[in-house]
Amino acid sequence: AYINNKAFVPVRKKGKLPRETVEASYDLEYGQATIEIHKDA
């Protein structure tokens, strides 16, 4: 992002982002995980 002068948006594990988020869950080998992104990102 830096060398191409672009913004960078983190896609985080659930519960790690401080502002309002949207989330999506996906399957793991033994269970599920959820990731989030800021709603305004």
Full PDB file with SEQRES, HELIX, SHEET, SSBOND, CRYST1, ORIGX, SCALE, CONECT and MASTER records, all heavy atoms in Angstrom:
SEQRES   1 A   41  ALA TYR ILE ASN ASN LYS ALA PHE VAL PRO VAL ARG LYS          
SEQRES   2 A   41  LYS GLY LYS LEU PRO ARG GLU THR VAL GLU ALA SER TYR          
SEQRES   3 A   41  ASP LEU GLU TYR GLY GLN ALA THR ILE GLU ILE HIS LYS          
SEQRES   4 A   41  ASP ALA                                                      
SHEET    1 AA1 3 ARG A  12  LYS A  13  0                                        
SHEET    2 AA1 3 GLY A  31  HIS A  38 -1                                        
SHEET    3 AA1 3 THR A  21  LEU A  28 -1                                        
CRYST1    1.000    1.000    1.000  90.00  90.00  90.00 P 1           1          
ORIGX1      1.000000  0.000000  0.000000        0.00000                         
ORIGX2      0.000000  1.000000  0.000000        0.00000                         
ORIGX3      0.000000  0.000000  1.000000        0.00000                         
SCALE1      1.000000  0.000000  0.000000        0.00000                         
SCALE2      0.000000  1.000000  0.000000        0.00000                         
SCALE3      0.000000  0.000000  1.000000        0.00000                         
ATOM      1  N   ALA A   1       0.845  -1.203   0.000  1.00  0.00           N  
ATOM      2  CA  ALA A   1       0.000   0.000   0.000  1.00  0.00           C  
ATOM      3  C   ALA A   1       0.879   1.251   0.000  1.00  0.00           C  
ATOM      4  O   ALA A   1       0.631   2.198  -0.750  1.00  0.00           O  
ATOM      5  CB  ALA A   1      -0.939  -0.024   1.197  1.00  0.00           C  
ATOM      6  N   TYR A   2       1.912   1.225   0.814  1.00  0.00           N  
ATOM      7  CA  TYR A   2       2.813   2.375   0.915  1.00  0.00           C  
ATOM      8  C   TYR A   2       3.497   2.676  -0.421  1.00  0.00           C  
ATOM      9  O   TYR A   2       3.462   3.812  -0.898  1.00  0.00           O  
ATOM     10  CB  TYR A   2       3.850   2.115   2.009  1.00  0.00           C  
ATOM     11  CG  TYR A   2       4.897   3.192   2.096  1.00  0.00           C  
ATOM     12  CD1 TYR A   2       4.622   4.407   2.715  1.00  0.00           C  
ATOM     13  CD2 TYR A   2       6.158   3.001   1.535  1.00  0.00           C  
ATOM     14  CE1 TYR A   2       5.572   5.407   2.783  1.00  0.00           C  
ATOM     15  CE2 TYR A   2       7.121   3.988   1.593  1.00  0.00           C  
ATOM     16  CZ  TYR A   2       6.829   5.195   2.213  1.00  0.00           C  
ATOM     17  OH  TYR A   2       7.773   6.174   2.270  1.00  0.00           O  
ATOM     18  N   ILE A   3       4.124   1.666  -1.032  1.00  0.00           N  
ATOM     19  CA  ILE A   3       4.884   1.953  -2.259  1.00  0.00           C  
ATOM     20  C   ILE A   3       3.982   2.297  -3.442  1.00  0.00           C  
ATOM     21  O   ILE A   3       4.434   2.926  -4.391  1.00  0.00           O  
ATOM     22  CB  ILE A   3       5.863   0.818  -2.639  1.00  0.00           C  
ATOM     23  CG1 ILE A   3       5.143  -0.478  -2.937  1.00  0.00           C  
ATOM     24  CG2 ILE A   3       6.917   0.635  -1.575  1.00  0.00           C  
ATOM     25  CD1 ILE A   3       6.062  -1.612  -3.402  1.00  0.00           C  
ATOM     26  N   ASN A   4       2.704   1.921  -3.361  1.00  0.00           N  
ATOM     27  CA  ASN A   4       1.766   2.229  -4.446  1.00  0.00           C  
ATOM     28  C   ASN A   4       0.829   3.387  -4.109  1.00  0.00           C  
ATOM     29  O   ASN A   4      -0.112   3.658  -4.863  1.00  0.00           O  
ATOM     30  CB  ASN A   4       0.968   0.980  -4.806  1.00  0.00           C  
ATOM     31  CG  ASN A   4       1.843  -0.050  -5.484  1.00  0.00           C  
ATOM     32  OD1 ASN A   4       2.357   0.191  -6.574  1.00  0.00           O  
ATOM     33  ND2 ASN A   4       2.052  -1.188  -4.841  1.00  0.00           N  
ATOM     34  N   ASN A   5       1.091   4.051  -2.988  1.00  0.00           N  
ATOM     35  CA  ASN A   5       0.282   5.194  -2.553  1.00  0.00           C  
ATOM     36  C   ASN A   5      -1.209   4.851  -2.482  1.00  0.00           C  
ATOM     37  O   ASN A   5      -2.060   5.560  -3.002  1.00  0.00           O  
ATOM     38  CB  ASN A   5       0.518   6.407  -3.470  1.00  0.00           C  
ATOM     39  CG  ASN A   5       0.013   7.693  -2.848  1.00  0.00           C  
ATOM     40  OD1 ASN A   5       0.033   7.849  -1.626  1.00  0.00           O  
ATOM     41  ND2 ASN A   5      -0.459   8.602  -3.682  1.00  0.00           N  
ATOM     42  N   LYS A   6      -1.499   3.722  -1.836  1.00  0.00           N  
ATOM     43  CA  LYS A   6      -2.875   3.261  -1.646  1.00  0.00           C  
ATOM     44  C   LYS A   6      -3.181   3.172  -0.157  1.00  0.00           C  
ATOM     45  O   LYS A   6      -2.272   3.029   0.672  1.00  0.00           O  
ATOM     46  CB  LYS A   6      -3.080   1.872  -2.271  1.00  0.00           C  
ATOM     47  CG  LYS A   6      -2.750   1.777  -3.746  1.00  0.00           C  
ATOM     48  CD  LYS A   6      -3.691   2.571  -4.607  1.00  0.00           C  
ATOM     49  CE  LYS A   6      -3.345   2.385  -6.094  1.00  0.00           C  
ATOM     50  NZ  LYS A   6      -4.233   3.122  -6.963  1.00  0.00           N  
ATOM     51  N   ALA A   7      -4.442   3.228   0.172  1.00  0.00           N  
ATOM     52  CA  ALA A   7      -4.858   3.032   1.561  1.00  0.00           C  
ATOM     53  C   ALA A   7      -4.745   1.553   1.913  1.00  0.00           C  
ATOM     54  O   ALA A   7      -4.793   0.684   1.037  1.00  0.00           O  
ATOM     55  CB  ALA A   7      -6.300   3.502   1.748  1.00  0.00           C  
ATOM     56  N   PHE A   8      -4.597   1.281   3.203  1.00  0.00           N  
ATOM     57  CA  PHE A   8      -4.548  -0.087   3.699  1.00  0.00           C  
ATOM     58  C   PHE A   8      -5.671  -0.285   4.709  1.00  0.00           C  
ATOM     59  O   PHE A   8      -5.859   0.522   5.614  1.00  0.00           O  
ATOM     60  CB  PHE A   8      -3.205  -0.384   4.375  1.00  0.00           C  
ATOM     61  CG  PHE A   8      -3.148  -1.782   4.930  1.00  0.00           C  
ATOM     62  CD1 PHE A   8      -2.876  -2.851   4.101  1.00  0.00           C  
ATOM     63  CD2 PHE A   8      -3.420  -2.026   6.265  1.00  0.00           C  
ATOM     64  CE1 PHE A   8      -2.855  -4.148   4.590  1.00  0.00           C  
ATOM     65  CE2 PHE A   8      -3.390  -3.313   6.770  1.00  0.00           C  
ATOM     66  CZ  PHE A   8      -3.110  -4.376   5.935  1.00  0.00           C  
ATOM     67  N   VAL A   9      -6.427  -1.368   4.527  1.00  0.00           N  
ATOM     68  CA  VAL A   9      -7.540  -1.695   5.410  1.00  0.00           C  
ATOM     69  C   VAL A   9      -7.265  -3.045   6.075  1.00  0.00           C  
ATOM     70  O   VAL A   9      -7.066  -4.040   5.375  1.00  0.00           O  
ATOM     71  CB  VAL A   9      -8.869  -1.764   4.619  1.00  0.00           C  
ATOM     72  CG1 VAL A   9     -10.003  -2.269   5.484  1.00  0.00           C  
ATOM     73  CG2 VAL A   9      -9.205  -0.402   4.032  1.00  0.00           C  
ATOM     74  N   PRO A  10      -7.251  -3.087   7.412  1.00  0.00           N  
ATOM     75  CA  PRO A  10      -7.059  -4.375   8.085  1.00  0.00           C  
ATOM     76  C   PRO A  10      -8.351  -5.181   8.160  1.00  0.00           C  
ATOM     77  O   PRO A  10      -9.412  -4.639   8.473  1.00  0.00           O  
ATOM     78  CB  PRO A  10      -6.581  -3.975   9.485  1.00  0.00           C  
ATOM     79  CG  PRO A  10      -7.150  -2.615   9.704  1.00  0.00           C  
ATOM     80  CD  PRO A  10      -7.261  -1.971   8.351  1.00  0.00           C  
ATOM     81  N   VAL A  11      -8.237  -6.456   7.831  1.00  0.00           N  
ATOM     82  CA  VAL A  11      -9.333  -7.412   8.013  1.00  0.00           C  
ATOM     83  C   VAL A  11      -8.928  -8.225   9.239  1.00  0.00           C  
ATOM     84  O   VAL A  11      -7.958  -8.969   9.189  1.00  0.00           O  
ATOM     85  CB  VAL A  11      -9.512  -8.318   6.778  1.00  0.00           C  
ATOM     86  CG1 VAL A  11     -10.660  -9.303   6.999  1.00  0.00           C  
ATOM     87  CG2 VAL A  11      -9.749  -7.483   5.527  1.00  0.00           C  
ATOM     88  N   ARG A  12      -9.692  -8.053  10.346  1.00  0.00           N  
ATOM     89  CA  ARG A  12      -9.255  -8.579  11.633  1.00  0.00           C  
ATOM     90  C   ARG A  12     -10.138  -9.689  12.144  1.00  0.00           C  
ATOM     91  O   ARG A  12     -11.278  -9.852  11.716  1.00  0.00           O  
ATOM     92  CB  ARG A  12      -9.272  -7.466  12.699  1.00  0.00           C  
ATOM     93  CG  ARG A  12      -8.465  -6.257  12.386  1.00  0.00           C  
ATOM     94  CD  ARG A  12      -7.087  -6.140  12.960  1.00  0.00           C  
ATOM     95  NE  ARG A  12      -6.615  -7.021  13.955  1.00  0.00           N  
ATOM     96  CZ  ARG A  12      -6.173  -6.646  15.149  1.00  0.00           C  
ATOM     97  NH1 ARG A  12      -6.234  -5.375  15.509  1.00  0.00           N  
ATOM     98  NH2 ARG A  12      -5.656  -7.523  15.974  1.00  0.00           N  
ATOM     99  N   LYS A  13      -9.612 -10.421  13.112  1.00  0.00           N  
ATOM    100  CA  LYS A  13     -10.409 -11.402  13.832  1.00  0.00           C  
ATOM    101  C   LYS A  13     -11.467 -10.664  14.637  1.00  0.00           C  
ATOM    102  O   LYS A  13     -11.260  -9.515  15.046  1.00  0.00           O  
ATOM    103  CB  LYS A  13      -9.510 -12.223  14.756  1.00  0.00           C  
ATOM    104  CG  LYS A  13      -8.536 -13.085  13.996  1.00  0.00           C  
ATOM    105  CD  LYS A  13      -7.573 -13.789  14.929  1.00  0.00           C  
ATOM    106  CE  LYS A  13      -6.584 -14.591  14.096  1.00  0.00           C  
ATOM    107  NZ  LYS A  13      -5.441 -15.042  14.873  1.00  0.00           N  
ATOM    108  N   LYS A  14     -12.583 -11.318  14.866  1.00  0.00           N  
ATOM    109  CA  LYS A  14     -13.711 -10.710  15.562  1.00  0.00           C  
ATOM    110  C   LYS A  14     -13.282 -10.133  16.914  1.00  0.00           C  
ATOM    111  O   LYS A  14     -12.523 -10.739  17.655  1.00  0.00           O  
ATOM    112  CB  LYS A  14     -14.808 -11.759  15.777  1.00  0.00           C  
ATOM    113  CG  LYS A  14     -16.071 -11.206  16.412  1.00  0.00           C  
ATOM    114  CD  LYS A  14     -17.144 -12.269  16.502  1.00  0.00           C  
ATOM    115  CE  LYS A  14     -18.350 -11.798  17.256  1.00  0.00           C  
ATOM    116  NZ  LYS A  14     -19.217 -10.947  16.489  1.00  0.00           N  
ATOM    117  N   GLY A  15     -13.782  -8.924  17.173  1.00  0.00           N  
ATOM    118  CA  GLY A  15     -13.559  -8.283  18.455  1.00  0.00           C  
ATOM    119  C   GLY A  15     -12.314  -7.431  18.562  1.00  0.00           C  
ATOM    120  O   GLY A  15     -12.007  -6.913  19.625  1.00  0.00           O  
ATOM    121  N   LYS A  16     -11.576  -7.241  17.469  1.00  0.00           N  
ATOM    122  CA  LYS A  16     -10.309  -6.501  17.523  1.00  0.00           C  
ATOM    123  C   LYS A  16     -10.406  -5.078  16.986  1.00  0.00           C  
ATOM    124  O   LYS A  16      -9.489  -4.294  17.181  1.00  0.00           O  
ATOM    125  CB  LYS A  16      -9.222  -7.241  16.735  1.00  0.00           C  
ATOM    126  CG  LYS A  16      -8.951  -8.646  17.221  1.00  0.00           C  
ATOM    127  CD  LYS A  16      -8.256  -8.618  18.540  1.00  0.00           C  
ATOM    128  CE  LYS A  16      -7.873 -10.030  18.963  1.00  0.00           C  
ATOM    129  NZ  LYS A  16      -7.247 -10.044  20.279  1.00  0.00           N  
ATOM    130  N   LEU A  17     -11.486  -4.738  16.296  1.00  0.00           N  
ATOM    131  CA  LEU A  17     -11.621  -3.409  15.708  1.00  0.00           C  
ATOM    132  C   LEU A  17     -12.517  -2.537  16.581  1.00  0.00           C  
ATOM    133  O   LEU A  17     -13.567  -2.991  17.058  1.00  0.00           O  
ATOM    134  CB  LEU A  17     -12.187  -3.508  14.288  1.00  0.00           C  
ATOM    135  CG  LEU A  17     -11.260  -4.166  13.267  1.00  0.00           C  
ATOM    136  CD1 LEU A  17     -11.992  -4.409  11.946  1.00  0.00           C  
ATOM    137  CD2 LEU A  17     -10.025  -3.315  13.032  1.00  0.00           C  
ATOM    138  N   PRO A  18     -12.158  -1.263  16.784  1.00  0.00           N  
ATOM    139  CA  PRO A  18     -12.873  -0.423  17.743  1.00  0.00           C  
ATOM    140  C   PRO A  18     -14.159   0.235  17.241  1.00  0.00           C  
ATOM    141  O   PRO A  18     -15.015   0.576  18.053  1.00  0.00           O  
ATOM    142  CB  PRO A  18     -11.837   0.649  18.098  1.00  0.00           C  
ATOM    143  CG  PRO A  18     -11.000   0.772  16.863  1.00  0.00           C  
ATOM    144  CD  PRO A  18     -10.939  -0.621  16.297  1.00  0.00           C  
ATOM    145  N   ARG A  19     -14.288   0.433  15.939  1.00  0.00           N  
ATOM    146  CA  ARG A  19     -15.486   1.108  15.429  1.00  0.00           C  
ATOM    147  C   ARG A  19     -16.503   0.075  14.965  1.00  0.00           C  
ATOM    148  O   ARG A  19     -16.275  -1.125  15.046  1.00  0.00           O  
ATOM    149  CB  ARG A  19     -15.103   2.055  14.280  1.00  0.00           C  
ATOM    150  CG  ARG A  19     -14.098   3.120  14.706  1.00  0.00           C  
ATOM    151  CD  ARG A  19     -13.898   4.224  13.662  1.00  0.00           C  
ATOM    152  NE  ARG A  19     -13.715   3.779  12.296  1.00  0.00           N  
ATOM    153  CZ  ARG A  19     -12.535   3.539  11.728  1.00  0.00           C  
ATOM    154  NH1 ARG A  19     -11.415   3.658  12.422  1.00  0.00           N  
ATOM    155  NH2 ARG A  19     -12.463   3.161  10.469  1.00  0.00           N  
ATOM    156  N   GLU A  20     -17.622   0.567  14.445  1.00  0.00           N  
ATOM    157  CA  GLU A  20     -18.673  -0.329  13.966  1.00  0.00           C  
ATOM    158  C   GLU A  20     -18.131  -1.189  12.821  1.00  0.00           C  
ATOM    159  O   GLU A  20     -17.431  -0.697  11.940  1.00  0.00           O  
ATOM    160  CB  GLU A  20     -19.879   0.487  13.488  1.00  0.00           C  
ATOM    161  CG  GLU A  20     -21.079  -0.359  13.158  1.00  0.00           C  
ATOM    162  CD  GLU A  20     -22.301   0.472  12.773  1.00  0.00           C  
ATOM    163  OE1 GLU A  20     -22.241   1.716  12.782  1.00  0.00           O  
ATOM    164  OE2 GLU A  20     -23.318  -0.161  12.443  1.00  0.00           O  
ATOM    165  N   THR A  21     -18.472  -2.472  12.853  1.00  0.00           N  
ATOM    166  CA  THR A  21     -17.921  -3.422  11.883  1.00  0.00           C  
ATOM    167  C   THR A  21     -19.015  -4.209  11.185  1.00  0.00           C  
ATOM    168  O   THR A  21     -20.167  -4.222  11.624  1.00  0.00           O  
ATOM    169  CB  THR A  21     -16.983  -4.434  12.575  1.00  0.00           C  
ATOM    170  OG1 THR A  21     -17.743  -5.180  13.524  1.00  0.00           O  
ATOM    171  CG2 THR A  21     -15.817  -3.753  13.259  1.00  0.00           C  
ATOM    172  N   VAL A  22     -18.613  -4.879  10.117  1.00  0.00           N  
ATOM    173  CA  VAL A  22     -19.400  -5.953   9.509  1.00  0.00           C  
ATOM    174  C   VAL A  22     -18.545  -7.196   9.645  1.00  0.00           C  
ATOM    175  O   VAL A  22     -17.315  -7.112   9.690  1.00  0.00           O  
ATOM    176  CB  VAL A  22     -19.779  -5.675   8.034  1.00  0.00           C  
ATOM    177  CG1 VAL A  22     -20.748  -4.508   7.928  1.00  0.00           C  
ATOM    178  CG2 VAL A  22     -18.549  -5.426   7.177  1.00  0.00           C  
ATOM    179  N   GLU A  23     -19.186  -8.355   9.734  1.00  0.00           N  
ATOM    180  CA  GLU A  23     -18.442  -9.581   9.957  1.00  0.00           C  
ATOM    181  C   GLU A  23     -18.904 -10.688   9.029  1.00  0.00           C  
ATOM    182  O   GLU A  23     -20.020 -10.665   8.514  1.00  0.00           O  
ATOM    183  CB  GLU A  23     -18.567 -10.040  11.409  1.00  0.00           C  
ATOM    184  CG  GLU A  23     -19.969 -10.450  11.815  1.00  0.00           C  
ATOM    185  CD  GLU A  23     -20.049 -10.893  13.274  1.00  0.00           C  
ATOM    186  OE1 GLU A  23     -19.538 -10.193  14.153  1.00  0.00           O  
ATOM    187  OE2 GLU A  23     -20.654 -11.964  13.516  1.00  0.00           O  
ATOM    188  N   ALA A  24     -18.005 -11.644   8.834  1.00  0.00           N  
ATOM    189  CA  ALA A  24     -18.313 -12.839   8.045  1.00  0.00           C  
ATOM    190  C   ALA A  24     -17.619 -14.017   8.719  1.00  0.00           C  
ATOM    191  O   ALA A  24     -16.489 -13.897   9.190  1.00  0.00           O  
ATOM    192  CB  ALA A  24     -17.821 -12.684   6.607  1.00  0.00           C  
ATOM    193  N   SER A  25     -18.300 -15.142   8.739  1.00  0.00           N  
ATOM    194  CA  SER A  25     -17.742 -16.355   9.324  1.00  0.00           C  
ATOM    195  C   SER A  25     -17.390 -17.335   8.218  1.00  0.00           C  
ATOM    196  O   SER A  25     -17.969 -17.305   7.131  1.00  0.00           O  
ATOM    197  CB  SER A  25     -18.745 -16.996  10.280  1.00  0.00           C  
ATOM    198  OG  SER A  25     -18.971 -16.141  11.385  1.00  0.00           O  
ATOM    199  N   TYR A  26     -16.438 -18.205   8.523  1.00  0.00           N  
ATOM    200  CA  TYR A  26     -16.006 -19.216   7.557  1.00  0.00           C  
ATOM    201  C   TYR A  26     -15.589 -20.458   8.326  1.00  0.00           C  
ATOM    202  O   TYR A  26     -15.310 -20.405   9.530  1.00  0.00           O  
ATOM    203  CB  TYR A  26     -14.873 -18.695   6.671  1.00  0.00           C  
ATOM    204  CG  TYR A  26     -13.653 -18.245   7.421  1.00  0.00           C  
ATOM    205  CD1 TYR A  26     -12.550 -19.081   7.578  1.00  0.00           C  
ATOM    206  CD2 TYR A  26     -13.597 -16.979   7.993  1.00  0.00           C  
ATOM    207  CE1 TYR A  26     -11.434 -18.675   8.270  1.00  0.00           C  
ATOM    208  CE2 TYR A  26     -12.473 -16.567   8.693  1.00  0.00           C  
ATOM    209  CZ  TYR A  26     -11.402 -17.415   8.825  1.00  0.00           C  
ATOM    210  OH  TYR A  26     -10.294 -17.008   9.523  1.00  0.00           O  
ATOM    211  N   ASP A  27     -15.556 -21.572   7.617  1.00  0.00           N  
ATOM    212  CA  ASP A  27     -15.241 -22.850   8.247  1.00  0.00           C  
ATOM    213  C   ASP A  27     -13.737 -23.078   8.331  1.00  0.00           C  
ATOM    214  O   ASP A  27     -12.990 -22.762   7.411  1.00  0.00           O  
ATOM    215  CB  ASP A  27     -15.873 -24.011   7.461  1.00  0.00           C  
ATOM    216  CG  ASP A  27     -17.389 -24.018   7.584  1.00  0.00           C  
ATOM    217  OD1 ASP A  27     -17.901 -23.619   8.645  1.00  0.00           O  
ATOM    218  OD2 ASP A  27     -18.053 -24.416   6.609  1.00  0.00           O  
ATOM    219  N   LEU A  28     -13.355 -23.644   9.459  1.00  0.00           N  
ATOM    220  CA  LEU A  28     -11.998 -24.121   9.669  1.00  0.00           C  
ATOM    221  C   LEU A  28     -12.044 -25.638   9.691  1.00  0.00           C  
ATOM    222  O   LEU A  28     -13.127 -26.236   9.671  1.00  0.00           O  
ATOM    223  CB  LEU A  28     -11.457 -23.622  11.013  1.00  0.00           C  
ATOM    224  CG  LEU A  28     -11.358 -22.110  11.189  1.00  0.00           C  
ATOM    225  CD1 LEU A  28     -11.075 -21.776  12.645  1.00  0.00           C  
ATOM    226  CD2 LEU A  28     -10.246 -21.575  10.307  1.00  0.00           C  
ATOM    227  N   GLU A  29     -10.887 -26.249   9.789  1.00  0.00           N  
ATOM    228  CA  GLU A  29     -10.841 -27.709   9.839  1.00  0.00           C  
ATOM    229  C   GLU A  29     -11.648 -28.238  11.021  1.00  0.00           C  
ATOM    230  O   GLU A  29     -12.352 -29.227  10.920  1.00  0.00           O  
ATOM    231  CB  GLU A  29      -9.386 -28.183   9.935  1.00  0.00           C  
ATOM    232  CG  GLU A  29      -9.241 -29.678   9.774  1.00  0.00           C  
ATOM    233  CD  GLU A  29      -7.784 -30.110   9.726  1.00  0.00           C  
ATOM    234  OE1 GLU A  29      -6.889 -29.247   9.691  1.00  0.00           O  
ATOM    235  OE2 GLU A  29      -7.551 -31.324   9.709  1.00  0.00           O  
ATOM    236  N   TYR A  30     -11.544 -27.551  12.153  1.00  0.00           N  
ATOM    237  CA  TYR A  30     -12.277 -27.970  13.357  1.00  0.00           C  
ATOM    238  C   TYR A  30     -13.041 -26.792  13.928  1.00  0.00           C  
ATOM    239  O   TYR A  30     -12.672 -26.242  14.957  1.00  0.00           O  
ATOM    240  CB  TYR A  30     -11.312 -28.517  14.421  1.00  0.00           C  
ATOM    241  CG  TYR A  30     -10.509 -29.687  13.954  1.00  0.00           C  
ATOM    242  CD1 TYR A  30      -9.168 -29.560  13.627  1.00  0.00           C  
ATOM    243  CD2 TYR A  30     -11.102 -30.940  13.809  1.00  0.00           C  
ATOM    244  CE1 TYR A  30      -8.432 -30.640  13.182  1.00  0.00           C  
ATOM    245  CE2 TYR A  30     -10.371 -32.030  13.363  1.00  0.00           C  
ATOM    246  CZ  TYR A  30      -9.037 -31.878  13.058  1.00  0.00           C  
ATOM    247  OH  TYR A  30      -8.320 -32.948  12.612  1.00  0.00           O  
ATOM    248  N   GLY A  31     -14.085 -26.352  13.256  1.00  0.00           N  
ATOM    249  CA  GLY A  31     -14.898 -25.263  13.782  1.00  0.00           C  
ATOM    250  C   GLY A  31     -15.071 -24.137  12.792  1.00  0.00           C  
ATOM    251  O   GLY A  31     -15.025 -24.348  11.582  1.00  0.00           O  
ATOM    252  N   GLN A  32     -15.271 -22.938  13.349  1.00  0.00           N  
ATOM    253  CA  GLN A  32     -15.496 -21.746  12.545  1.00  0.00           C  
ATOM    254  C   GLN A  32     -14.670 -20.592  13.078  1.00  0.00           C  
ATOM    255  O   GLN A  32     -14.249 -20.597  14.234  1.00  0.00           O  
ATOM    256  CB  GLN A  32     -16.980 -21.340  12.599  1.00  0.00           C  
ATOM    257  CG  GLN A  32     -17.821 -21.910  11.500  1.00  0.00           C  
ATOM    258  CD  GLN A  32     -19.120 -21.123  11.342  1.00  0.00           C  
ATOM    259  OE1 GLN A  32     -19.583 -20.462  12.257  1.00  0.00           O  
ATOM    260  NE2 GLN A  32     -19.696 -21.199  10.171  1.00  0.00           N  
ATOM    261  N   ALA A  33     -14.463 -19.601  12.245  1.00  0.00           N  
ATOM    262  CA  ALA A  33     -13.811 -18.360  12.648  1.00  0.00           C  
ATOM    263  C   ALA A  33     -14.599 -17.208  12.037  1.00  0.00           C  
ATOM    264  O   ALA A  33     -15.365 -17.394  11.085  1.00  0.00           O  
ATOM    265  CB  ALA A  33     -12.366 -18.327  12.177  1.00  0.00           C  
ATOM    266  N   THR A  34     -14.421 -16.044  12.608  1.00  0.00           N  
ATOM    267  CA  THR A  34     -15.114 -14.852  12.137  1.00  0.00           C  
ATOM    268  C   THR A  34     -14.101 -13.731  11.960  1.00  0.00           C  
ATOM    269  O   THR A  34     -13.232 -13.525  12.810  1.00  0.00           O  
ATOM    270  CB  THR A  34     -16.203 -14.423  13.143  1.00  0.00           C  
ATOM    271  OG1 THR A  34     -17.125 -15.508  13.312  1.00  0.00           O  
ATOM    272  CG2 THR A  34     -16.969 -13.210  12.653  1.00  0.00           C  
ATOM    273  N   ILE A  35     -14.225 -13.021  10.841  1.00  0.00           N  
ATOM    274  CA  ILE A  35     -13.396 -11.842  10.587  1.00  0.00           C  
ATOM    275  C   ILE A  35     -14.300 -10.631  10.446  1.00  0.00           C  
ATOM    276  O   ILE A  35     -15.495 -10.759  10.148  1.00  0.00           O  
ATOM    277  CB  ILE A  35     -12.497 -12.008   9.341  1.00  0.00           C  
ATOM    278  CG1 ILE A  35     -13.321 -12.366   8.105  1.00  0.00           C  
ATOM    279  CG2 ILE A  35     -11.401 -13.014   9.604  1.00  0.00           C  
ATOM    280  CD1 ILE A  35     -12.518 -12.400   6.805  1.00  0.00           C  
ATOM    281  N   GLU A  36     -13.702  -9.466  10.656  1.00  0.00           N  
ATOM    282  CA  GLU A  36     -14.451  -8.214  10.593  1.00  0.00           C  
ATOM    283  C   GLU A  36     -13.649  -7.156   9.846  1.00  0.00           C  
ATOM    284  O   GLU A  36     -12.432  -7.248   9.737  1.00  0.00           O  
ATOM    285  CB  GLU A  36     -14.709  -7.672  12.005  1.00  0.00           C  
ATOM    286  CG  GLU A  36     -15.548  -8.536  12.884  1.00  0.00           C  
ATOM    287  CD  GLU A  36     -15.734  -7.943  14.269  1.00  0.00           C  
ATOM    288  OE1 GLU A  36     -14.746  -7.426  14.853  1.00  0.00           O  
ATOM    289  OE2 GLU A  36     -16.857  -8.002  14.767  1.00  0.00           O  
ATOM    290  N   ILE A  37     -14.398  -6.155   9.410  1.00  0.00           N  
ATOM    291  CA  ILE A  37     -13.802  -4.978   8.785  1.00  0.00           C  
ATOM    292  C   ILE A  37     -14.634  -3.787   9.257  1.00  0.00           C  
ATOM    293  O   ILE A  37     -15.833  -3.928   9.531  1.00  0.00           O  
ATOM    294  CB  ILE A  37     -13.797  -5.127   7.244  1.00  0.00           C  
ATOM    295  CG1 ILE A  37     -12.926  -4.094   6.575  1.00  0.00           C  
ATOM    296  CG2 ILE A  37     -15.175  -5.092   6.674  1.00  0.00           C  
ATOM    297  CD1 ILE A  37     -12.682  -4.366   5.105  1.00  0.00           C  
ATOM    298  N   HIS A  38     -13.997  -2.623   9.409  1.00  0.00           N  
ATOM    299  CA  HIS A  38     -14.764  -1.439   9.781  1.00  0.00           C  
ATOM    300  C   HIS A  38     -15.811  -1.148   8.712  1.00  0.00           C  
ATOM    301  O   HIS A  38     -15.520  -1.237   7.512  1.00  0.00           O  
ATOM    302  CB  HIS A  38     -13.857  -0.216   9.934  1.00  0.00           C  
ATOM    303  CG  HIS A  38     -13.150  -0.167  11.246  1.00  0.00           C  
ATOM    304  ND1 HIS A  38     -11.804   0.041  11.343  1.00  0.00           N  
ATOM    305  CD2 HIS A  38     -13.601  -0.295  12.519  1.00  0.00           C  
ATOM    306  CE1 HIS A  38     -11.454   0.052  12.613  1.00  0.00           C  
ATOM    307  NE2 HIS A  38     -12.522  -0.163  13.346  1.00  0.00           N  
ATOM    308  N   LYS A  39     -16.973  -0.807   9.170  1.00  0.00           N  
ATOM    309  CA  LYS A  39     -18.105  -0.564   8.268  1.00  0.00           C  
ATOM    310  C   LYS A  39     -17.837   0.588   7.302  1.00  0.00           C  
ATOM    311  O   LYS A  39     -18.364   0.608   6.191  1.00  0.00           O  
ATOM    312  CB  LYS A  39     -19.363  -0.294   9.094  1.00  0.00           C  
ATOM    313  CG  LYS A  39     -20.638  -0.414   8.344  1.00  0.00           C  
ATOM    314  CD  LYS A  39     -21.829  -0.311   9.276  1.00  0.00           C  
ATOM    315  CE  LYS A  39     -23.105  -0.646   8.546  1.00  0.00           C  
ATOM    316  NZ  LYS A  39     -24.262  -0.603   9.446  1.00  0.00           N  
ATOM    317  N   ASP A  40     -17.009   1.542   7.715  1.00  0.00           N  
ATOM    318  CA  ASP A  40     -16.719   2.705   6.868  1.00  0.00           C  
ATOM    319  C   ASP A  40     -15.378   2.600   6.128  1.00  0.00           C  
ATOM    320  O   ASP A  40     -14.909   3.552   5.526  1.00  0.00           O  
ATOM    321  CB  ASP A  40     -16.752   3.990   7.699  1.00  0.00           C  
ATOM    322  CG  ASP A  40     -15.717   4.009   8.818  1.00  0.00           C  
ATOM    323  OD1 ASP A  40     -15.024   2.986   9.037  1.00  0.00           O  
ATOM    324  OD2 ASP A  40     -15.608   5.056   9.496  1.00  0.00           O  
ATOM    325  N   ALA A  41     -14.750   1.424   6.159  1.00  0.00           N  
ATOM    326  CA  ALA A  41     -13.417   1.266   5.565  1.00  0.00           C  
ATOM    327  C   ALA A  41     -13.436   1.235   4.048  1.00  0.00           C  
ATOM    328  O   ALA A  41     -12.457   1.617   3.408  1.00  0.00           O  
ATOM    329  CB  ALA A  41     -12.761  -0.010   6.093  1.00  0.00           C  
TER     330      ALA A  41                                                      
MASTER        0    0    0    0    3    0    0    6  329    1    0    4          
END                                                                             
